[in-house]
Amino acid sequence: MQIERIVSSLTGLGASWVLWLLVILSLVALAVVIERAVFFSSSRDDVEGLRAEVLKRLRAGEVKLALRRLEESPSPEASILRAGLASGLRDELEREAVSERVAAEAERSRLAMEKNLAFLGTVGSNAPFVGLLGTVIGIIRAFHELDASAGKLSSGLMAEIGEALVATAAGLLVALPAIAFFNLFQRLIRARLGRAEALSRDALAELGSRLAPEGAE
């Protein structure tokens, strides 16, 4: 009986509250997309140019200048490499210590880049079901309208059916952009972390080749 009363109260509200919920979810999702787009745009850098400059500094033995250049870069690739170079100098290139530093900074960068993306993924995967709920509610109300009119079609009945179908369409319209941007940002994150790993390997190998003879002496 309790479940029936809950269902009855929901159907009494109609599908309009579902549509408003979808509108709110779409606005929040849009805000997340804009915020993440600004973040990724502001943290961009010419990674190939950065790689060439850092390797040039390391080959010349100018490690501090290389670190300074990395500090000036807003990119996660630079922050990950900076952690590796700084650790390599302190720990005399002990591979395990350097790898742990790089992995820790990469994880911090990944978490920063993935901020609020879970919300986009949740909206993308669940908005269709929210819309479907609105459709079910609308159909239930349509049947009630049909029963009240003794089986005669009326404008109120057609309005209920139309509102039910709109809810499903609205759910899809909210979900598709959300999941598309979620996938786009995830690809950007994987690409940046991949570039950071390649850059770190190149730079640390160059640093090791420069410091190894000094350690041997």
Protein backbone atom coordinates (compact mmCIF):
# COMPACT_ATOMS: atom_id res chain seq x y z
CA MET A 1 0.00 0.00 0.00
CA GLN A 2 2.84 2.38 0.82
CA ILE A 3 4.42 1.76 -2.58
CA GLU A 4 1.08 2.30 -4.31
CA ARG A 5 0.62 5.64 -2.53
CA ILE A 6 4.11 6.74 -3.57
CA VAL A 7 3.46 5.77 -7.19
CA SER A 8 0.07 7.48 -7.08
CA SER A 9 1.59 10.70 -5.73
CA LEU A 10 4.28 10.67 -8.43
CA THR A 11 1.78 10.11 -11.21
CA GLY A 12 -0.37 12.86 -9.74
CA LEU A 13 2.48 15.31 -10.29
CA GLY A 14 2.74 14.32 -13.94
CA ALA A 15 5.89 14.21 -16.05
CA SER A 16 6.58 17.93 -15.84
CA TRP A 17 8.80 17.55 -12.77
CA VAL A 18 10.89 15.02 -14.68
CA LEU A 19 11.36 17.54 -17.47
CA TRP A 20 12.44 20.21 -14.99
CA LEU A 21 14.88 17.76 -13.43
CA LEU A 22 16.36 17.07 -16.86
CA VAL A 23 16.65 20.80 -17.51
CA ILE A 24 18.58 21.24 -14.24
CA LEU A 25 20.85 18.29 -15.03
CA SER A 26 21.55 19.66 -18.50
CA LEU A 27 22.47 23.10 -17.11
CA VAL A 28 24.82 21.62 -14.52
CA ALA A 29 26.36 19.35 -17.16
CA LEU A 30 26.86 22.37 -19.43
CA ALA A 31 28.59 24.22 -16.60
CA VAL A 32 30.90 21.24 -16.07
CA VAL A 33 31.71 21.06 -19.79
CA ILE A 34 32.57 24.77 -19.92
CA GLU A 35 34.67 24.59 -16.74
CA ARG A 36 36.61 21.55 -18.00
CA ALA A 37 37.08 23.09 -21.45
CA VAL A 38 38.54 26.23 -19.86
CA PHE A 39 40.79 24.07 -17.65
CA PHE A 40 42.15 22.00 -20.52
CA SER A 41 42.62 25.07 -22.70
CA SER A 42 44.46 27.04 -19.99
CA SER A 43 46.76 24.09 -19.19
CA ARG A 44 47.91 23.54 -22.78
CA ASP A 45 51.49 23.91 -23.90
CA ASP A 46 53.61 23.10 -26.92
CA VAL A 47 54.77 19.72 -25.64
CA GLU A 48 57.10 19.05 -28.57
CA GLY A 49 58.71 22.45 -28.14
CA LEU A 50 58.93 21.87 -24.41
CA ARG A 51 60.56 18.48 -24.99
CA ALA A 52 63.15 19.92 -27.36
CA GLU A 53 64.02 22.78 -25.01
CA VAL A 54 64.27 20.58 -21.90
CA LEU A 55 66.45 18.00 -23.65
CA LYS A 56 68.66 20.78 -24.98
CA ARG A 57 69.13 22.15 -21.47
CA LEU A 58 69.87 18.71 -20.06
CA ARG A 59 72.44 17.96 -22.77
CA ALA A 60 74.16 21.24 -21.88
CA GLY A 61 74.12 20.29 -18.19
CA GLU A 62 71.71 23.15 -17.36
CA VAL A 63 69.37 21.12 -15.17
CA LYS A 64 68.20 24.08 -13.10
CA LEU A 65 67.28 26.00 -16.25
CA ALA A 66 65.36 22.96 -17.46
CA LEU A 67 63.48 22.83 -14.16
CA ARG A 68 62.76 26.56 -14.36
CA ARG A 69 61.30 26.12 -17.85
CA LEU A 70 59.09 23.32 -16.57
CA GLU A 71 57.89 25.49 -13.68
CA GLU A 72 56.76 28.13 -16.18
CA SER A 73 54.59 25.65 -18.06
CA PRO A 74 50.95 25.17 -16.95
CA SER A 75 50.71 21.72 -18.55
CA PRO A 76 50.42 18.48 -16.57
CA GLU A 77 53.16 17.03 -18.77
CA ALA A 78 55.56 19.62 -17.38
CA SER A 79 54.53 19.10 -13.75
CA ILE A 80 55.00 15.33 -14.05
CA LEU A 81 58.43 15.70 -15.64
CA ARG A 82 59.43 18.34 -13.08
CA ALA A 83 58.69 15.90 -10.26
CA GLY A 84 60.82 13.26 -11.96
CA LEU A 85 63.78 15.57 -12.61
CA ALA A 86 63.74 17.01 -9.09
CA SER A 87 63.59 13.52 -7.61
CA GLY A 88 66.36 12.34 -9.92
CA LEU A 89 68.68 15.06 -8.66
CA ARG A 90 67.88 14.45 -5.00
CA ASP A 91 67.94 10.66 -5.13
CA GLU A 92 70.87 10.39 -7.55
CA LEU A 93 68.65 8.72 -10.14
CA GLU A 94 67.59 5.77 -8.02
CA ARG A 95 65.15 4.27 -10.47
CA GLU A 96 62.55 3.15 -7.96
CA ALA A 97 62.41 6.49 -6.14
CA VAL A 98 62.17 8.46 -9.38
CA SER A 99 59.46 6.17 -10.74
CA GLU A 100 57.44 6.57 -7.54
CA ARG A 101 57.69 10.36 -7.73
CA VAL A 102 56.62 10.40 -11.37
CA ALA A 103 53.74 8.01 -10.71
CA ALA A 104 52.54 10.06 -7.74
CA GLU A 105 52.58 13.31 -9.71
CA ALA A 106 50.87 11.61 -12.66
CA GLU A 107 48.11 10.41 -10.33
CA ARG A 108 47.65 13.92 -8.91
CA SER A 109 47.47 15.33 -12.41
CA ARG A 110 44.97 12.68 -13.47
CA LEU A 111 42.71 13.45 -10.51
CA ALA A 112 42.87 17.17 -11.28
CA MET A 113 41.97 16.57 -14.94
CA GLU A 114 39.13 14.20 -14.06
CA LYS A 115 37.49 16.67 -11.67
CA ASN A 116 33.67 16.64 -12.11
CA LEU A 117 33.86 14.21 -15.03
CA ALA A 118 32.12 11.55 -12.95
CA PHE A 119 29.05 13.79 -12.94
CA LEU A 120 29.09 13.97 -16.75
CA GLY A 121 29.37 10.20 -16.98
CA THR A 122 26.52 9.73 -14.50
CA VAL A 123 24.26 12.14 -16.39
CA GLY A 124 25.12 10.53 -19.71
CA SER A 125 24.32 7.03 -18.48
CA ASN A 126 21.24 7.82 -16.38
CA ALA A 127 19.43 10.70 -18.10
CA PRO A 128 17.65 8.31 -20.54
CA PHE A 129 16.27 6.38 -17.57
CA VAL A 130 15.06 9.62 -15.97
CA GLY A 131 13.31 10.45 -19.23
CA LEU A 132 11.88 6.96 -19.36
CA LEU A 133 10.47 7.46 -15.87
CA GLY A 134 8.69 10.54 -17.13
CA THR A 135 7.33 8.51 -20.03
CA VAL A 136 6.01 5.80 -17.73
CA ILE A 137 4.35 8.41 -15.51
CA GLY A 138 2.81 10.08 -18.54
CA ILE A 139 1.45 6.78 -19.86
CA ILE A 140 -0.04 5.92 -16.48
CA ARG A 141 -1.78 9.30 -16.38
CA ALA A 142 -2.96 8.77 -19.94
CA PHE A 143 -4.58 5.48 -18.95
CA HIS A 144 -6.24 7.18 -16.00
CA GLU A 145 -7.53 9.87 -18.35
CA LEU A 146 -8.78 7.21 -20.75
CA ASP A 147 -10.58 5.39 -17.94
CA ALA A 148 -12.14 8.61 -16.66
CA SER A 149 -13.45 9.46 -20.14
CA ALA A 150 -14.98 5.99 -20.58
CA GLY A 151 -12.58 5.07 -23.34
CA LYS A 152 -13.08 8.25 -25.39
CA LEU A 153 -10.07 10.04 -26.82
CA SER A 154 -9.77 13.62 -25.63
CA SER A 155 -7.36 16.50 -25.94
CA GLY A 156 -6.26 15.90 -22.33
CA LEU A 157 -5.41 12.29 -23.16
CA MET A 158 -3.38 13.29 -26.19
CA ALA A 159 -1.56 15.91 -24.11
CA GLU A 160 -0.60 13.27 -21.55
CA ILE A 161 0.77 10.99 -24.28
CA GLY A 162 2.67 13.85 -25.87
CA GLU A 163 4.23 14.85 -22.55
CA ALA A 164 5.25 11.25 -21.97
CA LEU A 165 7.07 11.05 -25.31
CA VAL A 166 8.74 14.42 -24.77
CA ALA A 167 10.24 13.12 -21.53
CA THR A 168 12.01 10.27 -23.33
CA ALA A 169 13.31 12.62 -26.03
CA ALA A 170 14.52 15.09 -23.39
CA GLY A 171 16.38 12.33 -21.57
CA LEU A 172 18.21 11.37 -24.75
CA LEU A 173 19.00 15.00 -25.61
CA VAL A 174 20.59 15.47 -22.20
CA ALA A 175 22.47 12.16 -22.24
CA LEU A 176 24.04 12.26 -25.70
CA PRO A 177 26.08 15.50 -25.33
CA ALA A 178 27.06 14.58 -21.76
CA ILE A 179 28.48 11.20 -22.72
CA ALA A 180 30.13 12.66 -25.84
CA PHE A 181 32.01 15.29 -23.83
CA PHE A 182 32.83 12.73 -21.14
CA ASN A 183 34.50 10.51 -23.75
CA LEU A 184 36.26 13.50 -25.31
CA PHE A 185 37.75 14.63 -22.01
CA GLN A 186 38.79 11.07 -21.15
CA ARG A 187 40.65 10.82 -24.46
CA LEU A 188 42.38 14.14 -23.73
CA ILE A 189 43.45 12.88 -20.31
CA ARG A 190 44.85 9.63 -21.73
CA ALA A 191 46.71 11.54 -24.43
CA ARG A 192 48.24 13.99 -21.97
CA LEU A 193 49.31 11.30 -19.54
CA GLY A 194 50.81 9.33 -22.43
CA ARG A 195 52.78 12.36 -23.61
CA ALA A 196 53.91 13.03 -20.05
CA GLU A 197 55.21 9.48 -19.68
CA ALA A 198 57.11 9.64 -22.99
CA LEU A 199 58.55 13.04 -22.11
CA SER A 200 59.63 11.85 -18.67
CA ARG A 201 61.33 8.78 -20.08
CA ASP A 202 63.30 10.84 -22.62
CA ALA A 203 64.35 13.50 -20.13
CA LEU A 204 65.28 11.12 -17.32
CA ALA A 205 67.28 8.96 -19.70
CA GLU A 206 69.17 12.06 -20.85
CA LEU A 207 69.72 13.16 -17.25
CA GLY A 208 70.97 9.70 -16.33
CA SER A 209 73.44 9.66 -19.19
CA ARG A 210 74.80 13.00 -18.00
CA LEU A 211 75.05 12.16 -14.31
CA ALA A 212 76.28 8.58 -14.65
CA PRO A 213 79.87 9.47 -15.64
CA GLU A 214 80.06 11.92 -12.73
CA GLY A 215 78.92 9.21 -10.31
CA ALA A 216 81.46 6.78 -11.76
CA GLU A 217 84.28 9.18 -11.06
